[in-house]
Amino acid sequence: MNGINTIAIHNTCEDSLLASPLIIDLVILTELMTRITYSTNDNEKYQSFEAVLSILSYLLKAPLVPSGTPVINALFKQHRCITNIFSACAGIAMDTDMLLEHKTKLPKPMKIQF
């Protein structure tokens, strides 16, 4: 029983090769989001999106969102969010899946206390 055993391991990184277009899209989308700034009537100073870019959740397995932001796992809502943000940048009418109040530093709606 004192035979010699040989183990051959080959790693072709097929998963990494398949993920490379997604990684390129993530980098491009992140870079585009850093270029977008906005201003409101209340504050004329231009601001950027939150540091946690939840818009990238469309390309990721587990979405990361800022504290207090609802997590959206629906693929089509995530896609419409990206589409609507770019439509807003182009001045085209948009839907309501953008959730800009959670992606920007816009003032949150005030709670009414009785």
PDB file of N, CA and C in Angstrom:
ATOM      1  N   MET A   1       0.803  -1.202   0.000  1.00  0.00           N
ATOM      2  CA  MET A   1       0.000   0.000   0.000  1.00  0.00           C
ATOM      3  C   MET A   1       0.845   1.265   0.000  1.00  0.00           C
ATOM      4  N   ASN A   2       2.085   1.212  -0.206  1.00  0.00           N
ATOM      5  CA  ASN A   2       2.937   2.396  -0.199  1.00  0.00           C
ATOM      6  C   ASN A   2       3.071   2.983  -1.599  1.00  0.00           C
ATOM      7  N   GLY A   3       1.961   3.067  -2.314  1.00  0.00           N
ATOM      8  CA  GLY A   3       1.982   3.622  -3.665  1.00  0.00           C
ATOM      9  C   GLY A   3       2.097   5.141  -3.648  1.00  0.00           C
ATOM     10  N   ILE A   4       2.423   5.695  -4.761  1.00  0.00           N
ATOM     11  CA  ILE A   4       2.538   7.148  -4.910  1.00  0.00           C
ATOM     12  C   ILE A   4       1.258   7.659  -5.558  1.00  0.00           C
ATOM     13  N   ASN A   5       0.669   8.662  -4.940  1.00  0.00           N
ATOM     14  CA  ASN A   5      -0.557   9.276  -5.452  1.00  0.00           C
ATOM     15  C   ASN A   5      -0.227  10.640  -6.050  1.00  0.00           C
ATOM     16  N   THR A   6      -0.834  10.921  -7.150  1.00  0.00           N
ATOM     17  CA  THR A   6      -0.640  12.211  -7.803  1.00  0.00           C
ATOM     18  C   THR A   6      -1.988  12.908  -7.909  1.00  0.00           C
ATOM     19  N   ILE A   7      -2.030  14.153  -7.489  1.00  0.00           N
ATOM     20  CA  ILE A   7      -3.247  14.955  -7.595  1.00  0.00           C
ATOM     21  C   ILE A   7      -2.965  16.080  -8.585  1.00  0.00           C
ATOM     22  N   ALA A   8      -3.778  16.172  -9.596  1.00  0.00           N
ATOM     23  CA  ALA A   8      -3.640  17.241 -10.591  1.00  0.00           C
ATOM     24  C   ALA A   8      -4.810  18.200 -10.437  1.00  0.00           C
ATOM     25  N   ILE A   9      -4.513  19.472 -10.264  1.00  0.00           N
ATOM     26  CA  ILE A   9      -5.545  20.495 -10.107  1.00  0.00           C
ATOM     27  C   ILE A   9      -5.370  21.521 -11.221  1.00  0.00           C
ATOM     28  N   HIS A  10      -6.444  21.771 -11.940  1.00  0.00           N
ATOM     29  CA  HIS A  10      -6.436  22.771 -13.003  1.00  0.00           C
ATOM     30  C   HIS A  10      -7.501  23.811 -12.683  1.00  0.00           C
ATOM     31  N   ASN A  11      -7.121  25.057 -12.687  1.00  0.00           N
ATOM     32  CA  ASN A  11      -8.044  26.149 -12.419  1.00  0.00           C
ATOM     33  C   ASN A  11      -8.088  27.043 -13.655  1.00  0.00           C
ATOM     34  N   THR A  12      -9.193  26.991 -14.360  1.00  0.00           N
ATOM     35  CA  THR A  12      -9.309  27.805 -15.574  1.00  0.00           C
ATOM     36  C   THR A  12     -10.034  29.126 -15.321  1.00  0.00           C
ATOM     37  N   CYS A  13     -10.476  29.349 -14.095  1.00  0.00           N
ATOM     38  CA  CYS A  13     -11.127  30.617 -13.710  1.00  0.00           C
ATOM     39  C   CYS A  13     -12.305  30.957 -14.619  1.00  0.00           C
ATOM     40  N   GLU A  14     -13.124  29.975 -14.927  1.00  0.00           N
ATOM     41  CA  GLU A  14     -14.259  30.238 -15.819  1.00  0.00           C
ATOM     42  C   GLU A  14     -15.231  31.242 -15.216  1.00  0.00           C
ATOM     43  N   ASP A  15     -15.454  31.152 -13.897  1.00  0.00           N
ATOM     44  CA  ASP A  15     -16.366  32.104 -13.274  1.00  0.00           C
ATOM     45  C   ASP A  15     -15.832  33.525 -13.370  1.00  0.00           C
ATOM     46  N   SER A  16     -14.540  33.682 -13.174  1.00  0.00           N
ATOM     47  CA  SER A  16     -13.947  35.020 -13.261  1.00  0.00           C
ATOM     48  C   SER A  16     -14.032  35.568 -14.679  1.00  0.00           C
ATOM     49  N   LEU A  17     -13.847  34.699 -15.651  1.00  0.00           N
ATOM     50  CA  LEU A  17     -13.940  35.147 -17.042  1.00  0.00           C
ATOM     51  C   LEU A  17     -15.358  35.581 -17.384  1.00  0.00           C
ATOM     52  N   LEU A  18     -16.335  34.867 -16.844  1.00  0.00           N
ATOM     53  CA  LEU A  18     -17.727  35.234 -17.109  1.00  0.00           C
ATOM     54  C   LEU A  18     -18.118  36.523 -16.394  1.00  0.00           C
ATOM     55  N   ALA A  19     -17.471  36.810 -15.274  1.00  0.00           N
ATOM     56  CA  ALA A  19     -17.822  37.994 -14.490  1.00  0.00           C
ATOM     57  C   ALA A  19     -17.138  39.264 -14.985  1.00  0.00           C
ATOM     58  N   SER A  20     -16.152  39.151 -15.846  1.00  0.00           N
ATOM     59  CA  SER A  20     -15.402  40.347 -16.254  1.00  0.00           C
ATOM     60  C   SER A  20     -16.272  41.413 -16.937  1.00  0.00           C
ATOM     61  N   PRO A  21     -17.246  41.081 -17.782  1.00  0.00           N
ATOM     62  CA  PRO A  21     -18.109  42.145 -18.323  1.00  0.00           C
ATOM     63  C   PRO A  21     -18.924  42.849 -17.235  1.00  0.00           C
ATOM     64  N   LEU A  22     -19.362  42.101 -16.213  1.00  0.00           N
ATOM     65  CA  LEU A  22     -20.092  42.729 -15.111  1.00  0.00           C
ATOM     66  C   LEU A  22     -19.201  43.680 -14.327  1.00  0.00           C
ATOM     67  N   ILE A  23     -17.952  43.286 -14.128  1.00  0.00           N
ATOM     68  CA  ILE A  23     -17.018  44.143 -13.397  1.00  0.00           C
ATOM     69  C   ILE A  23     -16.767  45.431 -14.179  1.00  0.00           C
ATOM     70  N   ILE A  24     -16.623  45.317 -15.486  1.00  0.00           N
ATOM     71  CA  ILE A  24     -16.435  46.512 -16.320  1.00  0.00           C
ATOM     72  C   ILE A  24     -17.668  47.414 -16.235  1.00  0.00           C
ATOM     73  N   ASP A  25     -18.867  46.823 -16.300  1.00  0.00           N
ATOM     74  CA  ASP A  25     -20.099  47.611 -16.178  1.00  0.00           C
ATOM     75  C   ASP A  25     -20.191  48.286 -14.811  1.00  0.00           C
ATOM     76  N   LEU A  26     -19.783  47.587 -13.746  1.00  0.00           N
ATOM     77  CA  LEU A  26     -19.797  48.176 -12.405  1.00  0.00           C
ATOM     78  C   LEU A  26     -18.877  49.394 -12.329  1.00  0.00           C
ATOM     79  N   VAL A  27     -17.700  49.270 -12.896  1.00  0.00           N
ATOM     80  CA  VAL A  27     -16.747  50.386 -12.867  1.00  0.00           C
ATOM     81  C   VAL A  27     -17.286  51.572 -13.661  1.00  0.00           C
ATOM     82  N   ILE A  28     -17.829  51.320 -14.841  1.00  0.00           N
ATOM     83  CA  ILE A  28     -18.356  52.406 -15.680  1.00  0.00           C
ATOM     84  C   ILE A  28     -19.550  53.078 -15.006  1.00  0.00           C
ATOM     85  N   LEU A  29     -20.468  52.275 -14.463  1.00  0.00           N
ATOM     86  CA  LEU A  29     -21.649  52.830 -13.804  1.00  0.00           C
ATOM     87  C   LEU A  29     -21.259  53.626 -12.556  1.00  0.00           C
ATOM     88  N   THR A  30     -20.306  53.120 -11.796  1.00  0.00           N
ATOM     89  CA  THR A  30     -19.834  53.847 -10.612  1.00  0.00           C
ATOM     90  C   THR A  30     -19.212  55.178 -11.008  1.00  0.00           C
ATOM     91  N   GLU A  31     -18.407  55.165 -12.043  1.00  0.00           N
ATOM     92  CA  GLU A  31     -17.762  56.395 -12.500  1.00  0.00           C
ATOM     93  C   GLU A  31     -18.797  57.407 -12.990  1.00  0.00           C
ATOM     94  N   LEU A  32     -19.818  56.944 -13.690  1.00  0.00           N
ATOM     95  CA  LEU A  32     -20.881  57.851 -14.145  1.00  0.00           C
ATOM     96  C   LEU A  32     -21.645  58.446 -12.969  1.00  0.00           C
ATOM     97  N   MET A  33     -21.910  57.639 -11.943  1.00  0.00           N
ATOM     98  CA  MET A  33     -22.647  58.129 -10.779  1.00  0.00           C
ATOM     99  C   MET A  33     -21.845  59.177 -10.004  1.00  0.00           C
ATOM    100  N   THR A  34     -20.514  59.083 -10.045  1.00  0.00           N
ATOM    101  CA  THR A  34     -19.705  60.099  -9.356  1.00  0.00           C
ATOM    102  C   THR A  34     -19.724  61.429 -10.102  1.00  0.00           C
ATOM    103  N   ARG A  35     -20.069  61.427 -11.370  1.00  0.00           N
ATOM    104  CA  ARG A  35     -20.126  62.667 -12.157  1.00  0.00           C
ATOM    105  C   ARG A  35     -21.440  63.412 -11.992  1.00  0.00           C
ATOM    106  N   ILE A  36     -22.480  62.734 -11.527  1.00  0.00           N
ATOM    107  CA  ILE A  36     -23.803  63.356 -11.410  1.00  0.00           C
ATOM    108  C   ILE A  36     -23.886  64.145 -10.107  1.00  0.00           C
ATOM    109  N   THR A  37     -24.253  65.413 -10.222  1.00  0.00           N
ATOM    110  CA  THR A  37     -24.522  66.253  -9.055  1.00  0.00           C
ATOM    111  C   THR A  37     -25.888  66.897  -9.238  1.00  0.00           C
ATOM    112  N   TYR A  38     -26.474  67.334  -8.148  1.00  0.00           N
ATOM    113  CA  TYR A  38     -27.812  67.919  -8.202  1.00  0.00           C
ATOM    114  C   TYR A  38     -27.894  69.046  -7.182  1.00  0.00           C
ATOM    115  N   SER A  39     -28.908  69.864  -7.345  1.00  0.00           N
ATOM    116  CA  SER A  39     -29.175  70.942  -6.401  1.00  0.00           C
ATOM    117  C   SER A  39     -30.684  71.071  -6.249  1.00  0.00           C
ATOM    118  N   THR A  40     -31.118  71.558  -5.108  1.00  0.00           N
ATOM    119  CA  THR A  40     -32.546  71.743  -4.856  1.00  0.00           C
ATOM    120  C   THR A  40     -32.839  73.229  -4.694  1.00  0.00           C
ATOM    121  N   ASN A  41     -34.113  73.559  -4.612  1.00  0.00           N
ATOM    122  CA  ASN A  41     -34.495  74.957  -4.401  1.00  0.00           C
ATOM    123  C   ASN A  41     -34.060  75.443  -3.024  1.00  0.00           C
ATOM    124  N   ASP A  42     -34.068  74.539  -2.032  1.00  0.00           N
ATOM    125  CA  ASP A  42     -33.688  74.915  -0.671  1.00  0.00           C
ATOM    126  C   ASP A  42     -32.187  75.132  -0.527  1.00  0.00           C
ATOM    127  N   ASN A  43     -31.398  74.367  -1.273  1.00  0.00           N
ATOM    128  CA  ASN A  43     -29.944  74.429  -1.150  1.00  0.00           C
ATOM    129  C   ASN A  43     -29.356  74.552  -2.547  1.00  0.00           C
ATOM    130  N   GLU A  44     -28.727  75.662  -2.826  1.00  0.00           N
ATOM    131  CA  GLU A  44     -28.185  75.876  -4.164  1.00  0.00           C
ATOM    132  C   GLU A  44     -26.825  75.230  -4.357  1.00  0.00           C
ATOM    133  N   LYS A  45     -26.256  74.675  -3.289  1.00  0.00           N
ATOM    134  CA  LYS A  45     -24.968  73.992  -3.393  1.00  0.00           C
ATOM    135  C   LYS A  45     -25.188  72.617  -4.026  1.00  0.00           C
ATOM    136  N   TYR A  46     -24.370  72.276  -4.998  1.00  0.00           N
ATOM    137  CA  TYR A  46     -24.509  70.992  -5.678  1.00  0.00           C
ATOM    138  C   TYR A  46     -23.986  69.865  -4.798  1.00  0.00           C
ATOM    139  N   GLN A  47     -24.715  68.742  -4.821  1.00  0.00           N
ATOM    140  CA  GLN A  47     -24.377  67.574  -4.008  1.00  0.00           C
ATOM    141  C   GLN A  47     -24.290  66.346  -4.891  1.00  0.00           C
ATOM    142  N   SER A  48     -23.633  65.309  -4.376  1.00  0.00           N
ATOM    143  CA  SER A  48     -23.521  64.029  -5.080  1.00  0.00           C
ATOM    144  C   SER A  48     -24.449  63.014  -4.436  1.00  0.00           C
ATOM    145  N   PHE A  49     -24.512  61.826  -5.021  1.00  0.00           N
ATOM    146  CA  PHE A  49     -25.284  60.736  -4.437  1.00  0.00           C
ATOM    147  C   PHE A  49     -24.639  60.281  -3.134  1.00  0.00           C
ATOM    148  N   GLU A  50     -25.374  59.480  -2.367  1.00  0.00           N
ATOM    149  CA  GLU A  50     -24.821  58.877  -1.151  1.00  0.00           C
ATOM    150  C   GLU A  50     -23.587  58.060  -1.504  1.00  0.00           C
ATOM    151  N   ALA A  51     -22.710  57.875  -0.530  1.00  0.00           N
ATOM    152  CA  ALA A  51     -21.473  57.119  -0.776  1.00  0.00           C
ATOM    153  C   ALA A  51     -21.759  55.661  -1.114  1.00  0.00           C
ATOM    154  N   VAL A  52     -22.803  55.100  -0.500  1.00  0.00           N
ATOM    155  CA  VAL A  52     -23.200  53.728  -0.825  1.00  0.00           C
ATOM    156  C   VAL A  52     -24.105  53.806  -2.049  1.00  0.00           C
ATOM    157  N   LEU A  53     -23.606  53.387  -3.182  1.00  0.00           N
ATOM    158  CA  LEU A  53     -24.372  53.480  -4.430  1.00  0.00           C
ATOM    159  C   LEU A  53     -25.289  52.266  -4.565  1.00  0.00           C
ATOM    160  N   SER A  54     -26.488  52.388  -4.014  1.00  0.00           N
ATOM    161  CA  SER A  54     -27.424  51.269  -4.089  1.00  0.00           C
ATOM    162  C   SER A  54     -27.906  51.033  -5.515  1.00  0.00           C
ATOM    163  N   ILE A  55     -27.643  51.976  -6.408  1.00  0.00           N
ATOM    164  CA  ILE A  55     -27.995  51.775  -7.816  1.00  0.00           C
ATOM    165  C   ILE A  55     -27.226  50.595  -8.407  1.00  0.00           C
ATOM    166  N   LEU A  56     -26.074  50.271  -7.836  1.00  0.00           N
ATOM    167  CA  LEU A  56     -25.259  49.156  -8.335  1.00  0.00           C
ATOM    168  C   LEU A  56     -25.848  47.797  -7.977  1.00  0.00           C
ATOM    169  N   SER A  57     -26.890  47.771  -7.152  1.00  0.00           N
ATOM    170  CA  SER A  57     -27.462  46.492  -6.725  1.00  0.00           C
ATOM    171  C   SER A  57     -28.014  45.695  -7.901  1.00  0.00           C
ATOM    172  N   TYR A  58     -28.288  46.353  -9.013  1.00  0.00           N
ATOM    173  CA  TYR A  58     -28.762  45.649 -10.210  1.00  0.00           C
ATOM    174  C   TYR A  58     -27.715  44.662 -10.718  1.00  0.00           C
ATOM    175  N   LEU A  59     -26.452  44.977 -10.529  1.00  0.00           N
ATOM    176  CA  LEU A  59     -25.368  44.132 -11.033  1.00  0.00           C
ATOM    177  C   LEU A  59     -24.746  43.256  -9.952  1.00  0.00           C
ATOM    178  N   LEU A  60     -25.244  43.337  -8.729  1.00  0.00           N
ATOM    179  CA  LEU A  60     -24.660  42.584  -7.622  1.00  0.00           C
ATOM    180  C   LEU A  60     -25.655  41.582  -7.058  1.00  0.00           C
ATOM    181  N   LYS A  61     -25.134  40.585  -6.367  1.00  0.00           N
ATOM    182  CA  LYS A  61     -25.987  39.526  -5.826  1.00  0.00           C
ATOM    183  C   LYS A  61     -26.747  39.991  -4.590  1.00  0.00           C
ATOM    184  N   ALA A  62     -26.062  40.664  -3.672  1.00  0.00           N
ATOM    185  CA  ALA A  62     -26.686  41.132  -2.436  1.00  0.00           C
ATOM    186  C   ALA A  62     -26.589  42.654  -2.386  1.00  0.00           C
ATOM    187  N   PRO A  63     -27.717  43.355  -2.539  1.00  0.00           N
ATOM    188  CA  PRO A  63     -27.660  44.817  -2.564  1.00  0.00           C
ATOM    189  C   PRO A  63     -27.260  45.407  -1.217  1.00  0.00           C
ATOM    190  N   LEU A  64     -26.429  46.430  -1.259  1.00  0.00           N
ATOM    191  CA  LEU A  64     -26.029  47.179  -0.076  1.00  0.00           C
ATOM    192  C   LEU A  64     -26.655  48.560  -0.189  1.00  0.00           C
ATOM    193  N   VAL A  65     -27.323  48.989   0.884  1.00  0.00           N
ATOM    194  CA  VAL A  65     -28.016  50.272   0.865  1.00  0.00           C
ATOM    195  C   VAL A  65     -27.625  51.078   2.100  1.00  0.00           C
ATOM    196  N   PRO A  66     -27.757  52.404   2.037  1.00  0.00           N
ATOM    197  CA  PRO A  66     -27.492  53.219   3.226  1.00  0.00           C
ATOM    198  C   PRO A  66     -28.492  52.902   4.337  1.00  0.00           C
ATOM    199  N   SER A  67     -28.140  53.247   5.544  1.00  0.00           N
ATOM    200  CA  SER A  67     -29.005  53.007   6.698  1.00  0.00           C
ATOM    201  C   SER A  67     -30.348  53.713   6.512  1.00  0.00           C
ATOM    202  N   GLY A  68     -31.432  52.997   6.798  1.00  0.00           N
ATOM    203  CA  GLY A  68     -32.772  53.559   6.679  1.00  0.00           C
ATOM    204  C   GLY A  68     -33.363  53.505   5.288  1.00  0.00           C
ATOM    205  N   THR A  69     -32.668  52.896   4.351  1.00  0.00           N
ATOM    206  CA  THR A  69     -33.136  52.802   2.971  1.00  0.00           C
ATOM    207  C   THR A  69     -33.781  51.441   2.740  1.00  0.00           C
ATOM    208  N   PRO A  70     -34.925  51.387   2.082  1.00  0.00           N
ATOM    209  CA  PRO A  70     -35.516  50.073   1.796  1.00  0.00           C
ATOM    210  C   PRO A  70     -34.667  49.300   0.790  1.00  0.00           C
ATOM    211  N   VAL A  71     -34.513  48.006   1.045  1.00  0.00           N
ATOM    212  CA  VAL A  71     -33.758  47.139   0.135  1.00  0.00           C
ATOM    213  C   VAL A  71     -34.698  46.689  -0.973  1.00  0.00           C
ATOM    214  N   ILE A  72     -34.316  46.911  -2.214  1.00  0.00           N
ATOM    215  CA  ILE A  72     -35.118  46.514  -3.368  1.00  0.00           C
ATOM    216  C   ILE A  72     -34.428  45.327  -4.025  1.00  0.00           C
ATOM    217  N   ASN A  73     -35.077  44.163  -3.991  1.00  0.00           N
ATOM    218  CA  ASN A  73     -34.512  42.964  -4.601  1.00  0.00           C
ATOM    219  C   ASN A  73     -35.139  42.645  -5.954  1.00  0.00           C
ATOM    220  N   ALA A  74     -36.171  43.370  -6.336  1.00  0.00           N
ATOM    221  CA  ALA A  74     -36.849  43.115  -7.601  1.00  0.00           C
ATOM    222  C   ALA A  74     -35.979  43.604  -8.760  1.00  0.00           C
ATOM    223  N   LEU A  75     -35.633  42.685  -9.642  1.00  0.00           N
ATOM    224  CA  LEU A  75     -34.705  42.989 -10.729  1.00  0.00           C
ATOM    225  C   LEU A  75     -35.223  44.102 -11.634  1.00  0.00           C
ATOM    226  N   PHE A  76     -36.508  44.058 -11.981  1.00  0.00           N
ATOM    227  CA  PHE A  76     -37.043  45.061 -12.895  1.00  0.00           C
ATOM    228  C   PHE A  76     -37.120  46.438 -12.244  1.00  0.00           C
ATOM    229  N   LYS A  77     -37.392  46.518 -10.943  1.00  0.00           N
ATOM    230  CA  LYS A  77     -37.377  47.815 -10.259  1.00  0.00           C
ATOM    231  C   LYS A  77     -35.966  48.384 -10.224  1.00  0.00           C
ATOM    232  N   GLN A  78     -34.969  47.521 -10.002  1.00  0.00           N
ATOM    233  CA  GLN A  78     -33.579  47.976 -10.005  1.00  0.00           C
ATOM    234  C   GLN A  78     -33.194  48.489 -11.395  1.00  0.00           C
ATOM    235  N   HIS A  79     -33.639  47.786 -12.427  1.00  0.00           N
ATOM    236  CA  HIS A  79     -33.338  48.204 -13.801  1.00  0.00           C
ATOM    237  C   HIS A  79     -34.009  49.531 -14.126  1.00  0.00           C
ATOM    238  N   ARG A  80     -35.278  49.672 -13.732  1.00  0.00           N
ATOM    239  CA  ARG A  80     -35.999  50.925 -13.988  1.00  0.00           C
ATOM    240  C   ARG A  80     -35.372  52.089 -13.234  1.00  0.00           C
ATOM    241  N   CYS A  81     -34.829  51.816 -12.058  1.00  0.00           N
ATOM    242  CA  CYS A  81     -34.155  52.871 -11.295  1.00  0.00           C
ATOM    243  C   CYS A  81     -32.989  53.438 -12.093  1.00  0.00           C
ATOM    244  N   ILE A  82     -32.156  52.554 -12.641  1.00  0.00           N
ATOM    245  CA  ILE A  82     -31.018  53.002 -13.451  1.00  0.00           C
ATOM    246  C   ILE A  82     -31.513  53.761 -14.678  1.00  0.00           C
ATOM    247  N   THR A  83     -32.505  53.196 -15.354  1.00  0.00           N
ATOM    248  CA  THR A  83     -33.057  53.829 -16.554  1.00  0.00           C
ATOM    249  C   THR A  83     -33.621  55.208 -16.242  1.00  0.00           C
ATOM    250  N   ASN A  84     -34.347  55.321 -15.140  1.00  0.00           N
ATOM    251  CA  ASN A  84     -34.976  56.593 -14.791  1.00  0.00           C
ATOM    252  C   ASN A  84     -33.967  57.648 -14.360  1.00  0.00           C
ATOM    253  N   ILE A  85     -32.907  57.235 -13.684  1.00  0.00           N
ATOM    254  CA  ILE A  85     -31.885  58.212 -13.293  1.00  0.00           C
ATOM    255  C   ILE A  85     -31.211  58.784 -14.535  1.00  0.00           C
ATOM    256  N   PHE A  86     -30.886  57.922 -15.492  1.00  0.00           N
ATOM    257  CA  PHE A  86     -30.280  58.432 -16.723  1.00  0.00           C
ATOM    258  C   PHE A  86     -31.285  59.226 -17.549  1.00  0.00           C
ATOM    259  N   SER A  87     -32.563  58.860 -17.493  1.00  0.00           N
ATOM    260  CA  SER A  87     -33.593  59.653 -18.175  1.00  0.00           C
ATOM    261  C   SER A  87     -33.695  61.041 -17.559  1.00  0.00           C
ATOM    262  N   ALA A  88     -33.617  61.111 -16.228  1.00  0.00           N
ATOM    263  CA  ALA A  88     -33.665  62.408 -15.548  1.00  0.00           C
ATOM    264  C   ALA A  88     -32.470  63.270 -15.945  1.00  0.00           C
ATOM    265  N   CYS A  89     -31.314  62.649 -16.096  1.00  0.00           N
ATOM    266  CA  CYS A  89     -30.121  63.402 -16.521  1.00  0.00           C
ATOM    267  C   CYS A  89     -30.286  63.944 -17.936  1.00  0.00           C
ATOM    268  N   ALA A  90     -31.036  63.223 -18.761  1.00  0.00           N
ATOM    269  CA  ALA A  90     -31.257  63.654 -20.141  1.00  0.00           C
ATOM    270  C   ALA A  90     -32.485  64.551 -20.272  1.00  0.00           C
ATOM    271  N   GLY A  91     -33.220  64.766 -19.162  1.00  0.00           N
ATOM    272  CA  GLY A  91     -34.401  65.613 -19.198  1.00  0.00           C
ATOM    273  C   GLY A  91     -35.641  64.907 -19.700  1.00  0.00           C
ATOM    274  N   ILE A  92     -35.660  63.588 -19.645  1.00  0.00           N
ATOM    275  CA  ILE A  92     -36.801  62.791 -20.091  1.00  0.00           C
ATOM    276  C   ILE A  92     -37.659  62.450 -18.877  1.00  0.00           C
ATOM    277  N   ALA A  93     -38.979  62.370 -19.058  1.00  0.00           N
ATOM    278  CA  ALA A  93     -39.881  62.024 -17.957  1.00  0.00           C
ATOM    279  C   ALA A  93     -39.537  60.650 -17.392  1.00  0.00           C
ATOM    280  N   MET A  94     -39.809  60.473 -16.081  1.00  0.00           N
ATOM    281  CA  MET A  94     -39.399  59.247 -15.405  1.00  0.00           C
ATOM    282  C   MET A  94     -40.545  58.592 -14.656  1.00  0.00           C
ATOM    283  N   ASP A  95     -40.294  57.366 -14.171  1.00  0.00           N
ATOM    284  CA  ASP A  95     -41.247  56.647 -13.324  1.00  0.00           C
ATOM    285  C   ASP A  95     -40.951  56.971 -11.864  1.00  0.00           C
ATOM    286  N   THR A  96     -41.532  56.182 -10.956  1.00  0.00           N
ATOM    287  CA  THR A  96     -41.363  56.458  -9.529  1.00  0.00           C
ATOM    288  C   THR A  96     -40.425  55.489  -8.824  1.00  0.00           C
ATOM    289  N   ASP A  97     -39.734  54.617  -9.522  1.00  0.00           N
ATOM    290  CA  ASP A  97     -38.864  53.645  -8.863  1.00  0.00           C
ATOM    291  C   ASP A  97     -37.470  54.188  -8.577  1.00  0.00           C
ATOM    292  N   MET A  98     -37.268  55.473  -8.707  1.00  0.00           N
ATOM    293  CA  MET A  98     -35.932  56.026  -8.498  1.00  0.00           C
ATOM    294  C   MET A  98     -35.553  56.069  -7.028  1.00  0.00           C
ATOM    295  N   LEU A  99     -36.511  56.318  -6.134  1.00  0.00           N
ATOM    296  CA  LEU A  99     -36.248  56.435  -4.697  1.00  0.00           C
ATOM    297  C   LEU A  99     -35.109  57.415  -4.428  1.00  0.00           C
ATOM    298  N   LEU A 100     -35.171  58.571  -5.070  1.00  0.00           N
ATOM    299  CA  LEU A 100     -34.095  59.553  -4.930  1.00  0.00           C
ATOM    300  C   LEU A 100     -33.919  60.036  -3.499  1.00  0.00           C
ATOM    301  N   GLU A 101     -34.982  59.992  -2.700  1.00  0.00           N
ATOM    302  CA  GLU A 101     -34.843  60.457  -1.323  1.00  0.00           C
ATOM    303  C   GLU A 101     -33.897  59.573  -0.518  1.00  0.00           C
ATOM    304  N   HIS A 102     -33.642  58.360  -0.998  1.00  0.00           N
ATOM    305  CA  HIS A 102     -32.726  57.462  -0.297  1.00  0.00           C
ATOM    306  C   HIS A 102     -31.346  57.425  -0.940  1.00  0.00           C
ATOM    307  N   LYS A 103     -31.215  57.880  -2.153  1.00  0.00           N
ATOM    308  CA  LYS A 103     -29.935  57.832  -2.855  1.00  0.00           C
ATOM    309  C   LYS A 103     -29.205  59.170  -2.810  1.00  0.00           C
ATOM    310  N   THR A 104     -29.901  60.197  -2.365  1.00  0.00           N
ATOM    311  CA  THR A 104     -29.323  61.533  -2.329  1.00  0.00           C
ATOM    312  C   THR A 104     -29.412  62.076  -0.911  1.00  0.00           C
ATOM    313  N   LYS A 105     -28.955  63.273  -0.752  1.00  0.00           N
ATOM    314  CA  LYS A 105     -29.027  63.919   0.556  1.00  0.00           C
ATOM    315  C   LYS A 105     -30.170  64.927   0.587  1.00  0.00           C
ATOM    316  N   LEU A 106     -31.232  64.640  -0.169  1.00  0.00           N
ATOM    317  CA  LEU A 106     -32.403  65.508  -0.162  1.00  0.00           C
ATOM    318  C   LEU A 106     -33.054  65.461   1.213  1.00  0.00           C
ATOM    319  N   PRO A 107     -33.739  66.525   1.614  1.00  0.00           N
ATOM    320  CA  PRO A 107     -34.415  66.486   2.912  1.00  0.00           C
ATOM    321  C   PRO A 107     -35.483  65.400   2.925  1.00  0.00           C
ATOM    322  N   LYS A 108     -35.522  64.648   4.013  1.00  0.00           N
ATOM    323  CA  LYS A 108     -36.516  63.589   4.176  1.00  0.00           C
ATOM    324  C   LYS A 108     -37.868  64.228   4.507  1.00  0.00           C
ATOM    325  N   PRO A 109     -38.980  63.574   4.133  1.00  0.00           N
ATOM    326  CA  PRO A 109     -40.293  64.111   4.492  1.00  0.00           C
ATOM    327  C   PRO A 109     -40.434  64.195   6.013  1.00  0.00           C
ATOM    328  N   MET A 110     -41.023  65.296   6.480  1.00  0.00           N
ATOM    329  CA  MET A 110     -41.175  65.479   7.927  1.00  0.00           C
ATOM    330  C   MET A 110     -42.336  64.646   8.432  1.00  0.00           C
ATOM    331  N   LYS A 111     -42.181  64.110   9.646  1.00  0.00           N
ATOM    332  CA  LYS A 111     -43.259  63.362  10.279  1.00  0.00           C
ATOM    333  C   LYS A 111     -44.173  64.348  10.997  1.00  0.00           C
ATOM    334  N   ILE A 112     -45.469  64.117  10.875  1.00  0.00           N
ATOM    335  CA  ILE A 112     -46.446  64.988  11.526  1.00  0.00           C
ATOM    336  C   ILE A 112     -46.778  64.391  12.881  1.00  0.00           C
ATOM    337  N   GLN A 113     -46.623  65.190  13.931  1.00  0.00           N
ATOM    338  CA  GLN A 113     -46.937  64.736  15.281  1.00  0.00           C
ATOM    339  C   GLN A 113     -48.158  65.483  15.769  1.00  0.00           C
ATOM    340  N   PHE A 114     -49.062  64.761  16.416  1.00  0.00           N
ATOM    341  CA  PHE A 114     -50.284  65.373  16.940  1.00  0.00           C
ATOM    342  C   PHE A 114     -50.201  65.491  18.434  1.00  0.00           C
TER     343      PHE A 114
END
